[in-house]
C-alpha atoms as a PDB file:
ATOM      1  CA  MET A   1      54.305   5.038   2.055  1.00  0.00           C
ATOM      2  CA  GLY A   2      56.273   6.061   5.217  1.00  0.00           C
ATOM      3  CA  LYS A   3      56.491   3.857   8.315  1.00  0.00           C
ATOM      4  CA  VAL A   4      54.144   5.156  11.167  1.00  0.00           C
ATOM      5  CA  ARG A   5      55.966   5.619  14.386  1.00  0.00           C
ATOM      6  CA  THR A   6      54.171   4.982  17.572  1.00  0.00           C
ATOM      7  CA  THR A   7      55.583   5.558  21.185  1.00  0.00           C
ATOM      8  CA  LYS A   8      54.485   4.646  24.489  1.00  0.00           C
ATOM      9  CA  ALA A   9      54.228   7.295  27.290  1.00  0.00           C
ATOM     10  CA  GLY A  10      57.330   7.718  29.162  1.00  0.00           C
ATOM     11  CA  ALA A  11      59.488   5.221  26.969  1.00  0.00           C
ATOM     12  CA  THR A  12      63.170   6.456  26.298  1.00  0.00           C
ATOM     13  CA  ASP A  13      65.125   7.596  22.981  1.00  0.00           C
ATOM     14  CA  GLY A  14      66.424   3.985  22.647  1.00  0.00           C
ATOM     15  CA  GLU A  15      63.095   2.042  23.602  1.00  0.00           C
ATOM     16  CA  ASP A  16      61.265   4.069  20.878  1.00  0.00           C
ATOM     17  CA  SER A  17      63.666   3.638  18.093  1.00  0.00           C
ATOM     18  CA  THR A  18      63.422   0.110  18.884  1.00  0.00           C
ATOM     19  CA  GLN A  19      59.708  -0.185  19.133  1.00  0.00           C
ATOM     20  CA  ALA A  20      59.175   2.021  16.048  1.00  0.00           C
ATOM     21  CA  GLU A  21      61.479  -0.613  14.030  1.00  0.00           C
ATOM     22  CA  ARG A  22      59.380  -3.516  15.300  1.00  0.00           C
ATOM     23  CA  GLY A  23      56.243  -1.761  14.951  1.00  0.00           C
ATOM     24  CA  ASN A  24      53.361  -2.810  16.768  1.00  0.00           C
ATOM     25  CA  PRO A  25      52.015  -5.975  15.249  1.00  0.00           C
ATOM     26  CA  ASP A  26      48.272  -4.708  14.569  1.00  0.00           C
ATOM     27  CA  ASP A  27      49.627  -1.677  12.913  1.00  0.00           C
ATOM     28  CA  ASN A  28      51.632  -3.754  10.457  1.00  0.00           C
ATOM     29  CA  GLU A  29      48.501  -5.887   9.733  1.00  0.00           C
ATOM     30  CA  VAL A  30      46.592  -2.825   8.957  1.00  0.00           C
ATOM     31  CA  LEU A  31      49.084  -1.337   6.754  1.00  0.00           C
ATOM     32  CA  ARG A  32      49.292  -4.790   4.624  1.00  0.00           C
ATOM     33  CA  SER A  33      45.655  -4.337   4.450  1.00  0.00           C
ATOM     34  CA  LEU A  34      45.484  -1.049   2.982  1.00  0.00           C
ATOM     35  CA  GLU A  35      48.211  -1.472   0.786  1.00  0.00           C
ATOM     36  CA  SER A  36      46.397  -4.706  -0.641  1.00  0.00           C
ATOM     37  CA  LYS A  37      43.138  -2.897  -1.127  1.00  0.00           C
ATOM     38  CA  LEU A  38      45.068   0.146  -2.815  1.00  0.00           C
ATOM     39  CA  ASP A  39      46.710  -2.656  -5.508  1.00  0.00           C
ATOM     40  CA  THR A  40      42.898  -3.778  -6.081  1.00  0.00           C
ATOM     41  CA  HIS A  41      41.393  -0.575  -6.008  1.00  0.00           C
ATOM     42  CA  THR A  42      44.423   0.491  -8.618  1.00  0.00           C
ATOM     43  CA  LYS A  43      43.883  -1.925 -10.744  1.00  0.00           C
ATOM     44  CA  GLN A  44      40.192  -1.832 -11.189  1.00  0.00           C
ATOM     45  CA  PHE A  45      40.693   1.774 -11.582  1.00  0.00           C
ATOM     46  CA  GLU A  46      43.243   1.155 -14.668  1.00  0.00           C
ATOM     47  CA  LYS A  47      40.662  -1.582 -16.111  1.00  0.00           C
ATOM     48  CA  ILE A  48      38.009   0.984 -16.150  1.00  0.00           C
ATOM     49  CA  LEU A  49      40.235   3.616 -17.623  1.00  0.00           C
ATOM     50  CA  ALA A  50      41.073   1.105 -20.395  1.00  0.00           C
ATOM     51  CA  ALA A  51      37.280   0.313 -20.859  1.00  0.00           C
ATOM     52  CA  ILE A  52      36.837   4.161 -21.086  1.00  0.00           C
ATOM     53  CA  ARG A  53      39.558   4.527 -23.581  1.00  0.00           C
ATOM     54  CA  ASP A  54      38.000   1.649 -25.795  1.00  0.00           C
ATOM     55  CA  THR A  55      34.716   3.080 -25.581  1.00  0.00           C
ATOM     56  CA  LYS A  56      35.814   6.623 -26.745  1.00  0.00           C
ATOM     57  CA  CYS A  57      37.770   4.968 -29.561  1.00  0.00           C
ATOM     58  CA  ALA A  58      34.468   2.966 -30.713  1.00  0.00           C
ATOM     59  CA  LEU A  59      32.532   6.321 -30.101  1.00  0.00           C
ATOM     60  CA  GLU A  60      34.887   8.373 -32.317  1.00  0.00           C
ATOM     61  CA  ALA A  61      34.958   5.502 -35.136  1.00  0.00           C
ATOM     62  CA  LYS A  62      31.291   5.518 -35.227  1.00  0.00           C
ATOM     63  CA  ILE A  63      30.919   9.339 -35.095  1.00  0.00           C
ATOM     64  CA  ASP A  64      33.253   9.276 -38.111  1.00  0.00           C
ATOM     65  CA  THR A  65      30.950   6.938 -39.841  1.00  0.00           C
ATOM     66  CA  VAL A  66      28.017   9.065 -38.829  1.00  0.00           C
ATOM     67  CA  ALA A  67      29.722  12.383 -39.899  1.00  0.00           C
ATOM     68  CA  LEU A  68      30.590  10.575 -43.317  1.00  0.00           C
ATOM     69  CA  ASP A  69      26.979   9.735 -43.797  1.00  0.00           C
ATOM     70  CA  VAL A  70      25.622  13.162 -42.964  1.00  0.00           C
ATOM     71  CA  GLY A  71      28.202  14.444 -45.885  1.00  0.00           C
ATOM     72  CA  LEU A  72      26.588  12.119 -48.483  1.00  0.00           C
ATOM     73  CA  LEU A  73      23.063  12.846 -47.278  1.00  0.00           C
ATOM     74  CA  ARG A  74      24.115  16.582 -47.699  1.00  0.00           C
ATOM     75  CA  GLU A  75      25.233  16.258 -51.026  1.00  0.00           C
ATOM     76  CA  ASP A  76      22.224  13.933 -51.860  1.00  0.00           C
ATOM     77  CA  HIS A  77      19.642  16.605 -50.569  1.00  0.00           C
ATOM     78  CA  LYS A  78      21.830  19.307 -52.685  1.00  0.00           C
ATOM     79  CA  LYS A  79      21.550  17.011 -55.940  1.00  0.00           C
ATOM     80  CA  LEU A  80      17.643  16.749 -54.963  1.00  0.00           C
ATOM     81  CA  ALA A  81      17.318  20.443 -54.103  1.00  0.00           C
ATOM     82  CA  ASP A  82      18.931  21.334 -57.813  1.00  0.00           C
ATOM     83  CA  ARG A  83      16.720  18.872 -59.485  1.00  0.00           C
ATOM     84  CA  VAL A  84      13.742  20.013 -57.878  1.00  0.00           C
ATOM     85  CA  SER A  85      14.535  23.464 -58.982  1.00  0.00           C
ATOM     86  CA  GLU A  86      15.341  22.519 -62.337  1.00  0.00           C
ATOM     87  CA  ILE A  87      11.791  20.609 -62.759  1.00  0.00           C
ATOM     88  CA  GLU A  88       9.981  23.775 -60.954  1.00  0.00           C
ATOM     89  CA  PHE A  89      11.831  26.018 -63.676  1.00  0.00           C
ATOM     90  CA  THR A  90      10.805  23.628 -66.586  1.00  0.00           C
ATOM     91  CA  HIS A  91       7.388  23.410 -65.296  1.00  0.00           C
ATOM     92  CA  SER A  92       6.910  27.178 -65.174  1.00  0.00           C
ATOM     93  CA  THR A  93       8.324  27.341 -68.887  1.00  0.00           C
ATOM     94  CA  VAL A  94       6.634  24.574 -70.162  1.00  0.00           C
ATOM     95  CA  ARG A  95       3.144  25.165 -68.671  1.00  0.00           C
ATOM     96  CA  PRO A  96       1.907  28.150 -70.572  1.00  0.00           C
ATOM     97  CA  SER A  97       2.663  26.025 -74.008  1.00  0.00           C
ATOM     98  CA  VAL A  98       0.795  22.852 -72.565  1.00  0.00           C
ATOM     99  CA  GLN A  99      -2.303  25.018 -72.036  1.00  0.00           C
ATOM    100  CA  GLN A 100      -1.931  26.539 -75.625  1.00  0.00           C
ATOM    101  CA  LEU A 101      -1.560  22.908 -77.118  1.00  0.00           C
ATOM    102  CA  GLN A 102      -4.584  22.223 -74.893  1.00  0.00           C
ATOM    103  CA  LYS A 103      -6.889  24.772 -76.653  1.00  0.00           C
ATOM    104  CA  GLU A 104      -5.757  23.828 -79.820  1.00  0.00           C
ATOM    105  CA  VAL A 105      -6.204  20.094 -79.697  1.00  0.00           C
ATOM    106  CA  LYS A 106      -9.665  21.081 -78.062  1.00  0.00           C
ATOM    107  CA  ASN A 107     -10.194  23.491 -81.220  1.00  0.00           C
ATOM    108  CA  ILE A 108      -8.634  20.654 -83.688  1.00  0.00           C
ATOM    109  CA  THR A 109     -11.231  18.185 -82.225  1.00  0.00           C
ATOM    110  CA  VAL A 110     -14.226  20.398 -82.707  1.00  0.00           C
ATOM    111  CA  ASP A 111     -12.961  20.747 -86.443  1.00  0.00           C
ATOM    112  CA  ILE A 112     -12.399  16.770 -86.719  1.00  0.00           C
ATOM    113  CA  GLU A 113     -15.987  16.374 -85.648  1.00  0.00           C
ATOM    114  CA  THR A 114     -17.534  18.642 -87.867  1.00  0.00           C
ATOM    115  CA  LEU A 115     -15.634  17.421 -90.900  1.00  0.00           C
ATOM    116  CA  GLN A 116     -16.468  13.693 -90.021  1.00  0.00           C
ATOM    117  CA  ARG A 117     -20.273  15.298 -89.817  1.00  0.00           C
ATOM    118  CA  ARG A 118     -19.494  16.685 -93.333  1.00  0.00           C
ATOM    119  CA  ALA A 119     -17.952  13.631 -94.515  1.00  0.00           C
ATOM    120  CA  GLU A 120     -21.135  11.688 -93.595  1.00  0.00           C
ATOM    121  CA  GLU A 121     -23.451  13.794 -95.143  1.00  0.00           C
ATOM    122  CA  ALA A 122     -21.707  13.814 -98.252  1.00  0.00           C
ATOM    123  CA  GLU A 123     -21.152  10.385 -98.385  1.00  0.00           C
ATOM    124  CA  GLY A 124     -24.879   9.788 -97.800  1.00  0.00           C
ATOM    125  CA  HIS A 125     -25.828  12.488-100.488  1.00  0.00           C
ATOM    126  CA  SER A 126     -23.362  10.518-102.612  1.00  0.00           C
ATOM    127  CA  ARG A 127     -25.234   7.252-101.927  1.00  0.00           C
ATOM    128  CA  ARG A 128     -28.377   8.878-102.506  1.00  0.00           C
ATOM    129  CA  SER A 129     -27.439  10.284-106.066  1.00  0.00           C
ATOM    130  CA  ASN A 130     -26.190   6.973-107.051  1.00  0.00           C
ATOM    131  CA  VAL A 131     -28.310   4.278-109.704  1.00  0.00           C
ATOM    132  CA  ARG A 132     -28.379   0.981-108.515  1.00  0.00           C
ATOM    133  CA  PHE A 133     -28.692  -1.930-110.642  1.00  0.00           C
ATOM    134  CA  MET A 134     -29.642  -5.145-109.277  1.00  0.00           C
ATOM    135  CA  GLY A 135     -30.416  -8.678-110.624  1.00  0.00           C
ATOM    136  CA  PHE A 136     -27.143  -8.931-112.309  1.00  0.00           C
ATOM    137  CA  PRO A 137     -24.969 -11.765-110.964  1.00  0.00           C
ATOM    138  CA  GLU A 138     -21.764 -10.929-108.816  1.00  0.00           C
ATOM    139  CA  ARG A 139     -18.914  -9.664-110.411  1.00  0.00           C
ATOM    140  CA  VAL A 140     -20.168 -10.059-114.099  1.00  0.00           C
ATOM    141  CA  GLU A 141     -18.993  -6.463-114.926  1.00  0.00           C
ATOM    142  CA  GLY A 142     -15.465  -7.832-114.871  1.00  0.00           C
ATOM    143  CA  ASN A 143     -12.593  -5.366-114.523  1.00  0.00           C
ATOM    144  CA  ASN A 144     -14.496  -2.148-116.270  1.00  0.00           C
ATOM    145  CA  ALA A 145     -17.779  -1.590-114.807  1.00  0.00           C
ATOM    146  CA  ASP A 146     -18.491   1.443-116.740  1.00  0.00           C
ATOM    147  CA  LEU A 147     -17.847  -0.642-119.963  1.00  0.00           C
ATOM    148  CA  PHE A 148     -20.160  -3.219-119.183  1.00  0.00           C
ATOM    149  CA  LEU A 149     -22.749  -0.841-117.986  1.00  0.00           C
ATOM    150  CA  GLU A 150     -22.468   0.991-121.501  1.00  0.00           C
ATOM    151  CA  ASN A 151     -22.441  -2.064-123.548  1.00  0.00           C
ATOM    152  CA  TRP A 152     -25.666  -3.416-121.374  1.00  0.00           C
ATOM    153  CA  LEU A 153     -27.611  -0.258-122.280  1.00  0.00           C
ATOM    154  CA  ILE A 154     -26.786  -0.175-125.452  1.00  0.00           C
ATOM    155  CA  SER A 155     -27.713  -3.785-126.136  1.00  0.00           C
ATOM    156  CA  THR A 156     -30.612  -4.076-123.998  1.00  0.00           C
ATOM    157  CA  VAL A 157     -32.616  -0.442-123.535  1.00  0.00           C
ATOM    158  CA  LEU A 158     -31.628   0.977-126.747  1.00  0.00           C
ATOM    159  CA  ASP A 159     -32.280  -2.062-128.927  1.00  0.00           C
ATOM    160  CA  HIS A 160     -35.748  -2.081-127.783  1.00  0.00           C
ATOM    161  CA  ASN A 161     -37.261   1.539-128.503  1.00  0.00           C
ATOM    162  CA  PRO A 162     -33.801   3.975-129.700  1.00  0.00           C
ATOM    163  CA  THR A 163     -36.117   6.765-130.189  1.00  0.00           C
ATOM    164  CA  LYS A 164     -37.568   7.090-127.250  1.00  0.00           C
ATOM    165  CA  PHE A 165     -33.860   8.189-125.580  1.00  0.00           C
ATOM    166  CA  PHE A 166     -33.171  10.832-128.586  1.00  0.00           C
ATOM    167  CA  GLN A 167     -36.085  12.951-128.937  1.00  0.00           C
END
């Protein structure tokens, strides 16, 4: 920085140059103080600039991370949207078939109930048409109930009055 020259009124050139080289002691003090403050402020500004650069780098790194995450989210969203579209298409295609199957199940259920009633009715008729023999010990017929019954009937019923049955 340049030196400040001061002159007194009425001073000669010789005095002027000597005075300027020596300078006023108050002026020199002010200049040193200003230079010191300028150095302090310059250092502070450099620290602030360094902090701004560090913050900028950190923000750029975070922005890159967020951009990457957003890209991944977009991919996931696209896959999910495709899957939903596929499910909607499948649903619209399958729905009529399911409705038809539900109707068929209803009809089959009605048919099964009708057949169960008929089977129960047939079983009831079958039981009412059967002859029941009482008084025989359990498992006396052996392996062939028809043969046992035939032999028993011949020996018991026909031996007592055979003409009664064949007239």
